[in-house]
Amino acid sequence: SCRFWTLFAHYLWFARRIFQRVIFS
């Protein structure tokens, strides 16, 4: 289940990173 949910969580992490990089210098 950890491996399964990681597949989805990876793209949440990716979206969060893009958002933070846009908001912060």
PDB file of all heavy atoms in Angstrom:
ATOM      1  N   SER A   1       0.834  -1.214   0.000  1.00  0.00           N
ATOM      2  CA  SER A   1       0.000   0.000   0.000  1.00  0.00           C
ATOM      3  C   SER A   1       0.861   1.253   0.000  1.00  0.00           C
ATOM      4  O   SER A   1       0.519   2.261  -0.632  1.00  0.00           O
ATOM      5  CB  SER A   1      -0.955  -0.001   1.192  1.00  0.00           C
ATOM      6  OG  SER A   1      -0.254   0.014   2.416  1.00  0.00           O
ATOM      7  N   CYS A   2       1.989   1.208   0.693  1.00  0.00           N
ATOM      8  CA  CYS A   2       2.913   2.355   0.682  1.00  0.00           C
ATOM      9  C   CYS A   2       3.428   2.595  -0.728  1.00  0.00           C
ATOM     10  O   CYS A   2       3.460   3.733  -1.213  1.00  0.00           O
ATOM     11  CB  CYS A   2       4.068   2.095   1.637  1.00  0.00           C
ATOM     12  SG  CYS A   2       5.288   3.434   1.710  1.00  0.00           S
ATOM     13  N   ARG A   3       3.829   1.518  -1.412  1.00  0.00           N
ATOM     14  CA  ARG A   3       4.321   1.644  -2.788  1.00  0.00           C
ATOM     15  C   ARG A   3       3.205   2.167  -3.711  1.00  0.00           C
ATOM     16  O   ARG A   3       3.447   3.033  -4.565  1.00  0.00           O
ATOM     17  CB  ARG A   3       4.810   0.287  -3.272  1.00  0.00           C
ATOM     18  CG  ARG A   3       5.234   0.202  -4.733  1.00  0.00           C
ATOM     19  CD  ARG A   3       6.485   0.998  -5.033  1.00  0.00           C
ATOM     20  NE  ARG A   3       6.193   2.370  -5.425  1.00  0.00           N
ATOM     21  CZ  ARG A   3       7.118   3.252  -5.771  1.00  0.00           C
ATOM     22  NH1 ARG A   3       8.393   2.918  -5.754  1.00  0.00           N
ATOM     23  NH2 ARG A   3       6.788   4.470  -6.135  1.00  0.00           N
ATOM     24  N   PHE A   4       1.982   1.657  -3.539  1.00  0.00           N
ATOM     25  CA  PHE A   4       0.862   2.074  -4.380  1.00  0.00           C
ATOM     26  C   PHE A   4       0.568   3.554  -4.207  1.00  0.00           C
ATOM     27  O   PHE A   4       0.469   4.300  -5.192  1.00  0.00           O
ATOM     28  CB  PHE A   4      -0.377   1.240  -4.036  1.00  0.00           C
ATOM     29  CG  PHE A   4      -1.618   1.653  -4.767  1.00  0.00           C
ATOM     30  CD1 PHE A   4      -1.816   1.257  -6.083  1.00  0.00           C
ATOM     31  CD2 PHE A   4      -2.582   2.435  -4.143  1.00  0.00           C
ATOM     32  CE1 PHE A   4      -2.970   1.646  -6.773  1.00  0.00           C
ATOM     33  CE2 PHE A   4      -3.723   2.826  -4.827  1.00  0.00           C
ATOM     34  CZ  PHE A   4      -3.924   2.429  -6.146  1.00  0.00           C
ATOM     35  N   TRP A   5       0.420   4.004  -2.963  1.00  0.00           N
ATOM     36  CA  TRP A   5       0.072   5.408  -2.734  1.00  0.00           C
ATOM     37  C   TRP A   5       1.214   6.356  -3.078  1.00  0.00           C
ATOM     38  O   TRP A   5       0.995   7.534  -3.369  1.00  0.00           O
ATOM     39  CB  TRP A   5      -0.385   5.618  -1.293  1.00  0.00           C
ATOM     40  CG  TRP A   5      -1.705   4.983  -1.014  1.00  0.00           C
ATOM     41  CD1 TRP A   5      -1.962   3.925  -0.185  1.00  0.00           C
ATOM     42  CD2 TRP A   5      -2.968   5.330  -1.596  1.00  0.00           C
ATOM     43  NE1 TRP A   5      -3.296   3.594  -0.209  1.00  0.00           N
ATOM     44  CE2 TRP A   5      -3.945   4.436  -1.072  1.00  0.00           C
ATOM     45  CE3 TRP A   5      -3.380   6.310  -2.505  1.00  0.00           C
ATOM     46  CZ2 TRP A   5      -5.285   4.511  -1.435  1.00  0.00           C
ATOM     47  CZ3 TRP A   5      -4.712   6.376  -2.878  1.00  0.00           C
ATOM     48  CH2 TRP A   5      -5.646   5.481  -2.341  1.00  0.00           C
ATOM     49  N   THR A   6       2.443   5.835  -3.089  1.00  0.00           N
ATOM     50  CA  THR A   6       3.586   6.663  -3.478  1.00  0.00           C
ATOM     51  C   THR A   6       3.494   7.086  -4.936  1.00  0.00           C
ATOM     52  O   THR A   6       3.949   8.171  -5.300  1.00  0.00           O
ATOM     53  CB  THR A   6       4.903   5.911  -3.217  1.00  0.00           C
ATOM     54  OG1 THR A   6       5.036   5.684  -1.812  1.00  0.00           O
ATOM     55  CG2 THR A   6       6.108   6.702  -3.689  1.00  0.00           C
ATOM     56  N   LEU A   7       2.904   6.239  -5.773  1.00  0.00           N
ATOM     57  CA  LEU A   7       2.744   6.598  -7.187  1.00  0.00           C
ATOM     58  C   LEU A   7       1.924   7.879  -7.332  1.00  0.00           C
ATOM     59  O   LEU A   7       2.240   8.748  -8.152  1.00  0.00           O
ATOM     60  CB  LEU A   7       2.053   5.461  -7.944  1.00  0.00           C
ATOM     61  CG  LEU A   7       2.840   4.150  -8.060  1.00  0.00           C
ATOM     62  CD1 LEU A   7       1.967   3.062  -8.680  1.00  0.00           C
ATOM     63  CD2 LEU A   7       4.103   4.351  -8.877  1.00  0.00           C
ATOM     64  N   PHE A   8       0.880   8.019  -6.531  1.00  0.00           N
ATOM     65  CA  PHE A   8       0.051   9.226  -6.567  1.00  0.00           C
ATOM     66  C   PHE A   8       0.731  10.379  -5.831  1.00  0.00           C
ATOM     67  O   PHE A   8       0.705  11.525  -6.288  1.00  0.00           O
ATOM     68  CB  PHE A   8      -1.312   8.946  -5.937  1.00  0.00           C
ATOM     69  CG  PHE A   8      -2.121   7.913  -6.668  1.00  0.00           C
ATOM     70  CD1 PHE A   8      -2.084   6.586  -6.283  1.00  0.00           C
ATOM     71  CD2 PHE A   8      -2.907   8.265  -7.754  1.00  0.00           C
ATOM     72  CE1 PHE A   8      -2.815   5.629  -6.962  1.00  0.00           C
ATOM     73  CE2 PHE A   8      -3.650   7.318  -8.440  1.00  0.00           C
ATOM     74  CZ  PHE A   8      -3.598   5.987  -8.046  1.00  0.00           C
ATOM     75  N   ALA A   9       1.344  10.063  -4.704  1.00  0.00           N
ATOM     76  CA  ALA A   9       1.955  11.101  -3.877  1.00  0.00           C
ATOM     77  C   ALA A   9       3.126  11.772  -4.582  1.00  0.00           C
ATOM     78  O   ALA A   9       3.424  12.949  -4.337  1.00  0.00           O
ATOM     79  CB  ALA A   9       2.417  10.504  -2.554  1.00  0.00           C
ATOM     80  N   HIS A  10       3.796  11.032  -5.458  1.00  0.00           N
ATOM     81  CA  HIS A  10       4.924  11.624  -6.186  1.00  0.00           C
ATOM     82  C   HIS A  10       4.476  12.853  -6.974  1.00  0.00           C
ATOM     83  O   HIS A  10       5.172  13.881  -6.987  1.00  0.00           O
ATOM     84  CB  HIS A  10       5.528  10.594  -7.139  1.00  0.00           C
ATOM     85  CG  HIS A  10       6.578  11.179  -8.047  1.00  0.00           C
ATOM     86  ND1 HIS A  10       7.881  11.356  -7.632  1.00  0.00           N
ATOM     87  CD2 HIS A  10       6.506  11.656  -9.321  1.00  0.00           C
ATOM     88  CE1 HIS A  10       8.574  11.901  -8.615  1.00  0.00           C
ATOM     89  NE2 HIS A  10       7.767  12.093  -9.647  1.00  0.00           N
ATOM     90  N   TYR A  11       3.312  12.771  -7.594  1.00  0.00           N
ATOM     91  CA  TYR A  11       2.846  13.895  -8.407  1.00  0.00           C
ATOM     92  C   TYR A  11       2.269  15.020  -7.551  1.00  0.00           C
ATOM     93  O   TYR A  11       2.288  16.181  -7.966  1.00  0.00           O
ATOM     94  CB  TYR A  11       1.849  13.392  -9.456  1.00  0.00           C
ATOM     95  CG  TYR A  11       2.539  12.480 -10.452  1.00  0.00           C
ATOM     96  CD1 TYR A  11       2.387  11.105 -10.373  1.00  0.00           C
ATOM     97  CD2 TYR A  11       3.400  13.004 -11.409  1.00  0.00           C
ATOM     98  CE1 TYR A  11       3.055  10.262 -11.260  1.00  0.00           C
ATOM     99  CE2 TYR A  11       4.074  12.177 -12.300  1.00  0.00           C
ATOM    100  CZ  TYR A  11       3.906  10.802 -12.214  1.00  0.00           C
ATOM    101  OH  TYR A  11       4.583   9.971 -13.080  1.00  0.00           O
ATOM    102  N   LEU A  12       1.810  14.683  -6.357  1.00  0.00           N
ATOM    103  CA  LEU A  12       1.455  15.737  -5.400  1.00  0.00           C
ATOM    104  C   LEU A  12       2.705  16.495  -4.976  1.00  0.00           C
ATOM    105  O   LEU A  12       2.701  17.725  -4.858  1.00  0.00           O
ATOM    106  CB  LEU A  12       0.762  15.127  -4.180  1.00  0.00           C
ATOM    107  CG  LEU A  12      -0.636  14.558  -4.390  1.00  0.00           C
ATOM    108  CD1 LEU A  12      -1.134  13.899  -3.104  1.00  0.00           C
ATOM    109  CD2 LEU A  12      -1.603  15.648  -4.833  1.00  0.00           C
ATOM    110  N   TRP A  13       3.779  15.735  -4.734  1.00  0.00           N
ATOM    111  CA  TRP A  13       5.065  16.352  -4.400  1.00  0.00           C
ATOM    112  C   TRP A  13       5.551  17.246  -5.537  1.00  0.00           C
ATOM    113  O   TRP A  13       6.020  18.358  -5.314  1.00  0.00           O
ATOM    114  CB  TRP A  13       6.089  15.235  -4.120  1.00  0.00           C
ATOM    115  CG  TRP A  13       7.514  15.702  -4.075  1.00  0.00           C
ATOM    116  CD1 TRP A  13       8.173  16.255  -3.012  1.00  0.00           C
ATOM    117  CD2 TRP A  13       8.464  15.661  -5.148  1.00  0.00           C
ATOM    118  NE1 TRP A  13       9.473  16.556  -3.361  1.00  0.00           N
ATOM    119  CE2 TRP A  13       9.667  16.205  -4.662  1.00  0.00           C
ATOM    120  CE3 TRP A  13       8.400  15.211  -6.469  1.00  0.00           C
ATOM    121  CZ2 TRP A  13      10.814  16.306  -5.456  1.00  0.00           C
ATOM    122  CZ3 TRP A  13       9.537  15.315  -7.268  1.00  0.00           C
ATOM    123  CH2 TRP A  13      10.719  15.866  -6.758  1.00  0.00           C
ATOM    124  N   PHE A  14       5.405  16.756  -6.764  1.00  0.00           N
ATOM    125  CA  PHE A  14       5.845  17.510  -7.936  1.00  0.00           C
ATOM    126  C   PHE A  14       5.045  18.806  -8.073  1.00  0.00           C
ATOM    127  O   PHE A  14       5.612  19.888  -8.308  1.00  0.00           O
ATOM    128  CB  PHE A  14       5.677  16.642  -9.186  1.00  0.00           C
ATOM    129  CG  PHE A  14       6.255  17.238 -10.442  1.00  0.00           C
ATOM    130  CD1 PHE A  14       7.480  17.887 -10.424  1.00  0.00           C
ATOM    131  CD2 PHE A  14       5.559  17.142 -11.641  1.00  0.00           C
ATOM    132  CE1 PHE A  14       8.018  18.418 -11.584  1.00  0.00           C
ATOM    133  CE2 PHE A  14       6.088  17.688 -12.811  1.00  0.00           C
ATOM    134  CZ  PHE A  14       7.320  18.321 -12.779  1.00  0.00           C
ATOM    135  N   ALA A  15       3.726  18.721  -7.898  1.00  0.00           N
ATOM    136  CA  ALA A  15       2.873  19.912  -7.990  1.00  0.00           C
ATOM    137  C   ALA A  15       3.209  20.907  -6.875  1.00  0.00           C
ATOM    138  O   ALA A  15       3.243  22.123  -7.112  1.00  0.00           O
ATOM    139  CB  ALA A  15       1.404  19.502  -7.912  1.00  0.00           C
ATOM    140  N   ARG A  16       3.469  20.383  -5.691  1.00  0.00           N
ATOM    141  CA  ARG A  16       3.825  21.260  -4.570  1.00  0.00           C
ATOM    142  C   ARG A  16       5.136  21.978  -4.843  1.00  0.00           C
ATOM    143  O   ARG A  16       5.288  23.164  -4.544  1.00  0.00           O
ATOM    144  CB  ARG A  16       3.927  20.425  -3.294  1.00  0.00           C
ATOM    145  CG  ARG A  16       4.401  21.192  -2.070  1.00  0.00           C
ATOM    146  CD  ARG A  16       4.292  20.351  -0.814  1.00  0.00           C
ATOM    147  NE  ARG A  16       5.006  20.976   0.280  1.00  0.00           N
ATOM    148  CZ  ARG A  16       6.146  20.530   0.781  1.00  0.00           C
ATOM    149  NH1 ARG A  16       6.693  19.424   0.300  1.00  0.00           N
ATOM    150  NH2 ARG A  16       6.742  21.146   1.773  1.00  0.00           N
ATOM    151  N   ARG A  17       6.076  21.265  -5.438  1.00  0.00           N
ATOM    152  CA  ARG A  17       7.359  21.881  -5.723  1.00  0.00           C
ATOM    153  C   ARG A  17       7.216  22.994  -6.744  1.00  0.00           C
ATOM    154  O   ARG A  17       7.799  24.085  -6.591  1.00  0.00           O
ATOM    155  CB  ARG A  17       8.353  20.829  -6.239  1.00  0.00           C
ATOM    156  CG  ARG A  17       9.748  21.406  -6.409  1.00  0.00           C
ATOM    157  CD  ARG A  17      10.749  20.348  -6.760  1.00  0.00           C
ATOM    158  NE  ARG A  17      10.581  19.909  -8.149  1.00  0.00           N
ATOM    159  CZ  ARG A  17      11.385  19.024  -8.724  1.00  0.00           C
ATOM    160  NH1 ARG A  17      12.365  18.470  -8.020  1.00  0.00           N
ATOM    161  NH2 ARG A  17      11.210  18.683  -9.979  1.00  0.00           N
ATOM    162  N   ILE A  18       6.439  22.759  -7.801  1.00  0.00           N
ATOM    163  CA  ILE A  18       6.230  23.791  -8.815  1.00  0.00           C
ATOM    164  C   ILE A  18       5.567  25.017  -8.195  1.00  0.00           C
ATOM    165  O   ILE A  18       5.982  26.160  -8.419  1.00  0.00           O
ATOM    166  CB  ILE A  18       5.362  23.239  -9.964  1.00  0.00           C
ATOM    167  CG1 ILE A  18       6.139  22.177 -10.742  1.00  0.00           C
ATOM    168  CG2 ILE A  18       4.916  24.369 -10.890  1.00  0.00           C
ATOM    169  CD1 ILE A  18       5.312  21.491 -11.809  1.00  0.00           C
ATOM    170  N   PHE A  19       4.541  24.780  -7.361  1.00  0.00           N
ATOM    171  CA  PHE A  19       3.823  25.882  -6.715  1.00  0.00           C
ATOM    172  C   PHE A  19       4.768  26.702  -5.836  1.00  0.00           C
ATOM    173  O   PHE A  19       4.771  27.937  -5.888  1.00  0.00           O
ATOM    174  CB  PHE A  19       2.687  25.318  -5.872  1.00  0.00           C
ATOM    175  CG  PHE A  19       1.965  26.358  -5.053  1.00  0.00           C
ATOM    176  CD1 PHE A  19       1.049  27.215  -5.644  1.00  0.00           C
ATOM    177  CD2 PHE A  19       2.215  26.474  -3.692  1.00  0.00           C
ATOM    178  CE1 PHE A  19       0.385  28.171  -4.895  1.00  0.00           C
ATOM    179  CE2 PHE A  19       1.552  27.428  -2.933  1.00  0.00           C
ATOM    180  CZ  PHE A  19       0.638  28.281  -3.538  1.00  0.00           C
ATOM    181  N   GLN A  20       5.586  26.023  -5.044  1.00  0.00           N
ATOM    182  CA  GLN A  20       6.491  26.736  -4.143  1.00  0.00           C
ATOM    183  C   GLN A  20       7.575  27.491  -4.898  1.00  0.00           C
ATOM    184  O   GLN A  20       7.974  28.588  -4.496  1.00  0.00           O
ATOM    185  CB  GLN A  20       7.107  25.750  -3.151  1.00  0.00           C
ATOM    186  CG  GLN A  20       6.106  25.207  -2.137  1.00  0.00           C
ATOM    187  CD  GLN A  20       6.667  24.070  -1.309  1.00  0.00           C
ATOM    188  OE1 GLN A  20       7.432  23.244  -1.799  1.00  0.00           O
ATOM    189  NE2 GLN A  20       6.294  24.022  -0.050  1.00  0.00           N
ATOM    190  N   ARG A  21       8.033  26.917  -5.996  1.00  0.00           N
ATOM    191  CA  ARG A  21       9.061  27.592  -6.781  1.00  0.00           C
ATOM    192  C   ARG A  21       8.505  28.821  -7.499  1.00  0.00           C
ATOM    193  O   ARG A  21       9.228  29.773  -7.761  1.00  0.00           O
ATOM    194  CB  ARG A  21       9.671  26.621  -7.788  1.00  0.00           C
ATOM    195  CG  ARG A  21      10.595  25.588  -7.153  1.00  0.00           C
ATOM    196  CD  ARG A  21      11.904  26.207  -6.734  1.00  0.00           C
ATOM    197  NE  ARG A  21      12.684  25.289  -5.904  1.00  0.00           N
ATOM    198  CZ  ARG A  21      13.912  25.531  -5.478  1.00  0.00           C
ATOM    199  NH1 ARG A  21      14.491  26.683  -5.781  1.00  0.00           N
ATOM    200  NH2 ARG A  21      14.552  24.674  -4.713  1.00  0.00           N
ATOM    201  N   VAL A  22       7.227  28.791  -7.817  1.00  0.00           N
ATOM    202  CA  VAL A  22       6.593  29.954  -8.443  1.00  0.00           C
ATOM    203  C   VAL A  22       6.365  31.051  -7.410  1.00  0.00           C
ATOM    204  O   VAL A  22       6.611  32.236  -7.660  1.00  0.00           O
ATOM    205  CB  VAL A  22       5.252  29.556  -9.103  1.00  0.00           C
ATOM    206  CG1 VAL A  22       4.464  30.793  -9.519  1.00  0.00           C
ATOM    207  CG2 VAL A  22       5.512  28.659 -10.303  1.00  0.00           C
ATOM    208  N   ILE A  23       5.908  30.659  -6.213  1.00  0.00           N
ATOM    209  CA  ILE A  23       5.585  31.630  -5.164  1.00  0.00           C
ATOM    210  C   ILE A  23       6.841  32.274  -4.584  1.00  0.00           C
ATOM    211  O   ILE A  23       6.895  33.476  -4.357  1.00  0.00           O
ATOM    212  CB  ILE A  23       4.766  30.966  -4.049  1.00  0.00           C
ATOM    213  CG1 ILE A  23       3.413  30.482  -4.598  1.00  0.00           C
ATOM    214  CG2 ILE A  23       4.565  31.908  -2.870  1.00  0.00           C
ATOM    215  CD1 ILE A  23       2.543  31.574  -5.148  1.00  0.00           C
ATOM    216  N   PHE A  24       7.870  31.447  -4.345  1.00  0.00           N
ATOM    217  CA  PHE A  24       9.085  31.948  -3.711  1.00  0.00           C
ATOM    218  C   PHE A  24      10.196  32.100  -4.736  1.00  0.00           C
ATOM    219  O   PHE A  24      10.289  31.350  -5.698  1.00  0.00           O
ATOM    220  CB  PHE A  24       9.552  30.994  -2.607  1.00  0.00           C
ATOM    221  CG  PHE A  24       8.535  30.789  -1.526  1.00  0.00           C
ATOM    222  CD1 PHE A  24       7.791  29.609  -1.466  1.00  0.00           C
ATOM    223  CD2 PHE A  24       8.293  31.762  -0.571  1.00  0.00           C
ATOM    224  CE1 PHE A  24       6.850  29.402  -0.476  1.00  0.00           C
ATOM    225  CE2 PHE A  24       7.349  31.566   0.425  1.00  0.00           C
ATOM    226  CZ  PHE A  24       6.630  30.389   0.472  1.00  0.00           C
ATOM    227  N   SER A  25      11.034  33.084  -4.492  1.00  0.00           N
ATOM    228  CA  SER A  25      12.218  33.218  -5.331  1.00  0.00           C
ATOM    229  C   SER A  25      13.162  32.066  -5.040  1.00  0.00           C
ATOM    230  O   SER A  25      13.025  31.368  -4.047  1.00  0.00           O
ATOM    231  CB  SER A  25      12.922  34.545  -5.034  1.00  0.00           C
ATOM    232  OG  SER A  25      13.454  34.518  -3.714  1.00  0.00           O
TER     233      SER A  25
END
